[in-house]
C-alpha atoms as a PDB file:
ATOM      1  CA  UNK A   1     227.101-210.679 131.966  1.00  0.00           C
ATOM      2  CA  UNK A   2     229.070-210.623 128.710  1.00  0.00           C
ATOM      3  CA  UNK A   3     228.100-214.284 128.070  1.00  0.00           C
ATOM      4  CA  UNK A   4     224.388-213.429 128.273  1.00  0.00           C
ATOM      5  CA  UNK A   5     224.876-210.382 126.054  1.00  0.00           C
ATOM      6  CA  UNK A   6     226.768-212.499 123.509  1.00  0.00           C
ATOM      7  CA  UNK A   7     223.963-215.086 123.577  1.00  0.00           C
ATOM      8  CA  UNK A   8     221.271-212.461 123.006  1.00  0.00           C
ATOM      9  CA  UNK A   9     223.251-210.862 120.178  1.00  0.00           C
ATOM     10  CA  UNK A  10     223.799-214.289 118.569  1.00  0.00           C
ATOM     11  CA  UNK A  11     220.067-215.001 118.623  1.00  0.00           C
ATOM     12  CA  UNK A  12     219.289-211.555 117.151  1.00  0.00           C
ATOM     13  CA  UNK A  13     221.884-212.056 114.406  1.00  0.00           C
ATOM     14  CA  UNK A  14     220.441-215.484 113.543  1.00  0.00           C
ATOM     15  CA  UNK A  15     216.938-214.011 113.342  1.00  0.00           C
ATOM     16  CA  UNK A  16     218.141-211.158 111.120  1.00  0.00           C
ATOM     17  CA  UNK A  17     219.849-213.604 108.752  1.00  0.00           C
ATOM     18  CA  UNK A  18     216.737-215.781 108.699  1.00  0.00           C
ATOM     19  CA  UNK A  19     214.546-212.830 107.737  1.00  0.00           C
ATOM     20  CA  UNK A  20     217.025-211.550 105.136  1.00  0.00           C
ATOM     21  CA  UNK A  21     217.192-214.870 103.262  1.00  0.00           C
ATOM     22  CA  UNK A  22     213.558-215.128 102.204  1.00  0.00           C
ATOM     23  CA  UNK A  23     212.334-216.444  98.852  1.00  0.00           C
ATOM     24  CA  UNK A  24     211.942-213.829  96.125  1.00  0.00           C
ATOM     25  CA  UNK A  25     208.286-212.999  95.496  1.00  0.00           C
ATOM     26  CA  UNK A  26     206.355-210.522  93.394  1.00  0.00           C
ATOM     27  CA  UNK A  27     205.742-207.261  95.209  1.00  0.00           C
ATOM     28  CA  UNK A  28     202.889-204.822  95.252  1.00  0.00           C
ATOM     29  CA  UNK A  29     203.772-201.434  96.645  1.00  0.00           C
ATOM     30  CA  UNK A  30     201.711-199.983  99.494  1.00  0.00           C
ATOM     31  CA  UNK A  31     201.263-196.749  97.558  1.00  0.00           C
ATOM     32  CA  UNK A  32     197.772-196.927  95.991  1.00  0.00           C
ATOM     33  CA  UNK A  33     199.004-195.469  92.709  1.00  0.00           C
ATOM     34  CA  UNK A  34     202.180-197.496  92.215  1.00  0.00           C
ATOM     35  CA  UNK A  35     202.306-201.224  91.580  1.00  0.00           C
ATOM     36  CA  UNK A  36     205.633-203.019  91.158  1.00  0.00           C
ATOM     37  CA  UNK A  37     206.447-206.631  90.285  1.00  0.00           C
ATOM     38  CA  UNK A  38     209.806-208.268  90.823  1.00  0.00           C
ATOM     39  CA  UNK A  39     209.876-210.499  87.738  1.00  0.00           C
ATOM     40  CA  UNK A  40     211.719-213.264  89.620  1.00  0.00           C
ATOM     41  CA  UNK A  41     208.474-213.798  91.559  1.00  0.00           C
ATOM     42  CA  UNK A  42     206.233-214.078  88.491  1.00  0.00           C
ATOM     43  CA  UNK A  43     205.291-217.273  86.632  1.00  0.00           C
ATOM     44  CA  UNK A  44     207.363-218.525  83.711  1.00  0.00           C
ATOM     45  CA  UNK A  45     205.259-220.051  80.936  1.00  0.00           C
ATOM     46  CA  UNK A  46     208.301-221.542  79.212  1.00  0.00           C
ATOM     47  CA  UNK A  47     210.998-223.700  80.796  1.00  0.00           C
ATOM     48  CA  UNK A  48     214.037-221.990  79.256  1.00  0.00           C
ATOM     49  CA  UNK A  49     214.423-219.247  81.876  1.00  0.00           C
ATOM     50  CA  UNK A  50     216.197-218.852  85.168  1.00  0.00           C
ATOM     51  CA  UNK A  51     216.548-216.375  88.010  1.00  0.00           C
ATOM     52  CA  UNK A  52     219.926-214.686  87.795  1.00  0.00           C
ATOM     53  CA  UNK A  53     221.554-213.077  90.820  1.00  0.00           C
ATOM     54  CA  UNK A  54     223.256-209.935  89.534  1.00  0.00           C
ATOM     55  CA  UNK A  55     224.905-206.932  91.165  1.00  0.00           C
ATOM     56  CA  UNK A  56     221.727-204.974  90.277  1.00  0.00           C
ATOM     57  CA  UNK A  57     219.471-207.542  91.978  1.00  0.00           C
ATOM     58  CA  UNK A  58     217.561-210.655  90.892  1.00  0.00           C
ATOM     59  CA  UNK A  59     216.628-210.781  87.209  1.00  0.00           C
ATOM     60  CA  UNK A  60     215.079-213.337  84.874  1.00  0.00           C
ATOM     61  CA  UNK A  61     216.839-214.374  81.685  1.00  0.00           C
ATOM     62  CA  UNK A  62     217.448-217.388  79.493  1.00  0.00           C
ATOM     63  CA  UNK A  63     219.323-220.407  80.769  1.00  0.00           C
ATOM     64  CA  UNK A  64     222.936-220.624  79.579  1.00  0.00           C
ATOM     65  CA  UNK A  65     223.082-221.377  75.859  1.00  0.00           C
ATOM     66  CA  UNK A  66     219.307-221.024  75.329  1.00  0.00           C
ATOM     67  CA  UNK A  67     217.664-218.849  72.674  1.00  0.00           C
ATOM     68  CA  UNK A  68     214.084-218.180  71.562  1.00  0.00           C
ATOM     69  CA  UNK A  69     211.181-216.663  73.479  1.00  0.00           C
ATOM     70  CA  UNK A  70     211.097-216.701  77.276  1.00  0.00           C
ATOM     71  CA  UNK A  71     207.514-215.898  78.369  1.00  0.00           C
ATOM     72  CA  UNK A  72     206.650-214.687  81.877  1.00  0.00           C
ATOM     73  CA  UNK A  73     203.274-213.683  83.378  1.00  0.00           C
ATOM     74  CA  UNK A  74     202.620-211.371  86.331  1.00  0.00           C
ATOM     75  CA  UNK A  75     199.105-211.017  87.744  1.00  0.00           C
ATOM     76  CA  UNK A  76     197.897-207.454  88.312  1.00  0.00           C
ATOM     77  CA  UNK A  77     195.861-206.817  91.452  1.00  0.00           C
ATOM     78  CA  UNK A  78     195.288-203.127  90.885  1.00  0.00           C
ATOM     79  CA  UNK A  79     192.138-201.048  90.965  1.00  0.00           C
ATOM     80  CA  UNK A  80     193.760-197.683  90.632  1.00  0.00           C
ATOM     81  CA  UNK A  81     194.684-195.054  88.079  1.00  0.00           C
ATOM     82  CA  UNK A  82     198.008-195.553  86.244  1.00  0.00           C
ATOM     83  CA  UNK A  83     199.518-193.455  83.470  1.00  0.00           C
ATOM     84  CA  UNK A  84     203.033-194.894  83.147  1.00  0.00           C
ATOM     85  CA  UNK A  85     204.325-198.366  82.290  1.00  0.00           C
ATOM     86  CA  UNK A  86     207.979-198.904  83.209  1.00  0.00           C
ATOM     87  CA  UNK A  87     210.527-201.702  83.450  1.00  0.00           C
ATOM     88  CA  UNK A  88     214.202-202.228  84.285  1.00  0.00           C
ATOM     89  CA  UNK A  89     216.129-204.622  82.069  1.00  0.00           C
ATOM     90  CA  UNK A  90     219.348-205.334  80.193  1.00  0.00           C
ATOM     91  CA  UNK A  91     219.328-205.644  76.402  1.00  0.00           C
ATOM     92  CA  UNK A  92     222.726-205.228  74.762  1.00  0.00           C
ATOM     93  CA  UNK A  93     221.847-206.663  71.342  1.00  0.00           C
ATOM     94  CA  UNK A  94     220.142-205.395  68.209  1.00  0.00           C
ATOM     95  CA  UNK A  95     218.767-208.853  67.408  1.00  0.00           C
ATOM     96  CA  UNK A  96     216.960-209.510  70.695  1.00  0.00           C
ATOM     97  CA  UNK A  97     214.267-207.661  72.604  1.00  0.00           C
ATOM     98  CA  UNK A  98     212.204-207.515  75.775  1.00  0.00           C
ATOM     99  CA  UNK A  99     208.527-206.689  75.325  1.00  0.00           C
ATOM    100  CA  UNK A 100     206.127-205.977  78.193  1.00  0.00           C
ATOM    101  CA  UNK A 101     202.387-205.959  77.450  1.00  0.00           C
ATOM    102  CA  UNK A 102     199.489-205.204  79.807  1.00  0.00           C
ATOM    103  CA  UNK A 103     196.306-207.170  79.041  1.00  0.00           C
ATOM    104  CA  UNK A 104     192.676-206.984  80.126  1.00  0.00           C
ATOM    105  CA  UNK A 105     190.400-210.035  79.906  1.00  0.00           C
ATOM    106  CA  UNK A 106     186.703-210.292  80.853  1.00  0.00           C
ATOM    107  CA  UNK A 107     186.079-212.523  83.880  1.00  0.00           C
ATOM    108  CA  UNK A 108     182.632-213.882  83.048  1.00  0.00           C
ATOM    109  CA  UNK A 109     182.732-214.404  79.289  1.00  0.00           C
ATOM    110  CA  UNK A 110     186.445-215.328  79.116  1.00  0.00           C
ATOM    111  CA  UNK A 111     186.397-213.310  75.899  1.00  0.00           C
ATOM    112  CA  UNK A 112     189.422-212.257  73.939  1.00  0.00           C
ATOM    113  CA  UNK A 113     192.154-210.404  75.748  1.00  0.00           C
ATOM    114  CA  UNK A 114     192.610-206.711  75.003  1.00  0.00           C
ATOM    115  CA  UNK A 115     196.023-205.016  74.794  1.00  0.00           C
ATOM    116  CA  UNK A 116     196.042-201.981  77.086  1.00  0.00           C
ATOM    117  CA  UNK A 117     199.707-200.992  76.775  1.00  0.00           C
ATOM    118  CA  UNK A 118     202.982-202.317  75.404  1.00  0.00           C
ATOM    119  CA  UNK A 119     206.620-201.338  75.785  1.00  0.00           C
ATOM    120  CA  UNK A 120     209.806-202.716  74.182  1.00  0.00           C
ATOM    121  CA  UNK A 121     213.427-202.470  75.317  1.00  0.00           C
ATOM    122  CA  UNK A 122     216.101-200.452  73.556  1.00  0.00           C
ATOM    123  CA  UNK A 123     219.523-201.792  72.588  1.00  0.00           C
ATOM    124  CA  UNK A 124     222.051-200.363  75.020  1.00  0.00           C
ATOM    125  CA  UNK A 125     224.614-201.773  77.442  1.00  0.00           C
ATOM    126  CA  UNK A 126     223.900-201.937  81.162  1.00  0.00           C
ATOM    127  CA  UNK A 127     220.690-201.665  83.130  1.00  0.00           C
ATOM    128  CA  UNK A 128     218.097-199.514  81.404  1.00  0.00           C
ATOM    129  CA  UNK A 129     214.871-197.958  82.612  1.00  0.00           C
ATOM    130  CA  UNK A 130     212.318-198.001  79.820  1.00  0.00           C
ATOM    131  CA  UNK A 131     208.982-196.275  80.235  1.00  0.00           C
ATOM    132  CA  UNK A 132     206.011-194.954  78.319  1.00  0.00           C
ATOM    133  CA  UNK A 133     203.386-192.409  79.299  1.00  0.00           C
ATOM    134  CA  UNK A 134     199.894-193.891  78.875  1.00  0.00           C
ATOM    135  CA  UNK A 135     197.302-191.601  77.342  1.00  0.00           C
ATOM    136  CA  UNK A 136     194.564-192.315  78.126  1.00  0.00           C
ATOM    137  CA  UNK A 137     195.564-193.616  81.535  1.00  0.00           C
ATOM    138  CA  UNK A 138     194.659-197.131  82.662  1.00  0.00           C
ATOM    139  CA  UNK A 139     191.799-197.458  85.113  1.00  0.00           C
ATOM    140  CA  UNK A 140     191.234-200.984  86.385  1.00  0.00           C
ATOM    141  CA  UNK A 141     187.853-202.543  87.156  1.00  0.00           C
ATOM    142  CA  UNK A 142     188.511-205.862  88.889  1.00  0.00           C
ATOM    143  CA  UNK A 143     184.785-206.555  89.284  1.00  0.00           C
ATOM    144  CA  UNK A 144     184.414-207.277  85.558  1.00  0.00           C
ATOM    145  CA  UNK A 145     187.920-207.907  84.222  1.00  0.00           C
ATOM    146  CA  UNK A 146     191.219-209.612  84.993  1.00  0.00           C
ATOM    147  CA  UNK A 147     194.528-207.894  84.275  1.00  0.00           C
ATOM    148  CA  UNK A 148     198.004-209.267  83.765  1.00  0.00           C
ATOM    149  CA  UNK A 149     201.418-208.441  82.366  1.00  0.00           C
ATOM    150  CA  UNK A 150     203.025-210.638  79.718  1.00  0.00           C
ATOM    151  CA  UNK A 151     206.806-210.356  79.366  1.00  0.00           C
ATOM    152  CA  UNK A 152     208.506-211.839  76.307  1.00  0.00           C
ATOM    153  CA  UNK A 153     212.317-211.964  76.291  1.00  0.00           C
ATOM    154  CA  UNK A 154     213.429-212.836  72.741  1.00  0.00           C
ATOM    155  CA  UNK A 155     217.030-213.972  72.429  1.00  0.00           C
ATOM    156  CA  UNK A 156     218.550-214.983  69.070  1.00  0.00           C
ATOM    157  CA  UNK A 157     222.203-215.407  70.027  1.00  0.00           C
ATOM    158  CA  UNK A 158     223.257-217.483  73.074  1.00  0.00           C
ATOM    159  CA  UNK A 159     226.134-215.061  73.798  1.00  0.00           C
ATOM    160  CA  UNK A 160     223.926-211.980  74.096  1.00  0.00           C
ATOM    161  CA  UNK A 161     222.728-210.610  77.435  1.00  0.00           C
ATOM    162  CA  UNK A 162     218.994-210.040  77.897  1.00  0.00           C
ATOM    163  CA  UNK A 163     217.299-210.043  81.301  1.00  0.00           C
ATOM    164  CA  UNK A 164     214.472-208.240  83.075  1.00  0.00           C
ATOM    165  CA  UNK A 165     214.398-207.099  86.698  1.00  0.00           C
ATOM    166  CA  UNK A 166     211.022-205.514  87.398  1.00  0.00           C
ATOM    167  CA  UNK A 167     207.848-204.036  85.919  1.00  0.00           C
ATOM    168  CA  UNK A 168     205.867-201.087  87.316  1.00  0.00           C
ATOM    169  CA  UNK A 169     202.576-199.351  86.698  1.00  0.00           C
ATOM    170  CA  UNK A 170     202.633-195.871  88.167  1.00  0.00           C
ATOM    171  CA  UNK A 171     200.775-192.619  88.476  1.00  0.00           C
ATOM    172  CA  UNK A 172     203.502-190.291  87.249  1.00  0.00           C
ATOM    173  CA  UNK A 173     201.600-187.066  87.855  1.00  0.00           C
END
């Protein structure tokens, strides 16, 4: 009996480990008024970035010794009301920054993109939550427009620590 129980428990443990070690992907919350993106699952437009496994979770930052702009794009699939833009990041330098911008672009005409909101990191040690209240709030119309987030991590000194964990659009009311 104990051999069968051990066998069943071994199979369950193997399945649990298999499900726990899944690739990191962008995430959209089930809550209709909160959308979250794990930046490690977004697309890097430059090749100088890497996913970093930290004690606070996966983050995206420059490769060792790299400087300049690291550009990342996250697609927004939202059709809801949002009045807060927020991100979690680390920026411990006065000469670098992390900027998150939400854009709208017409689908049919492929016209110029429009800045809907922008937010920049502050210089402080450790993980920071940076947010801005959006007034007027963002209301998405995915029938006529596309929406995306552009993240620019600007690093001027290879010894400085700049990385971003996640971006959120929320209804904070």
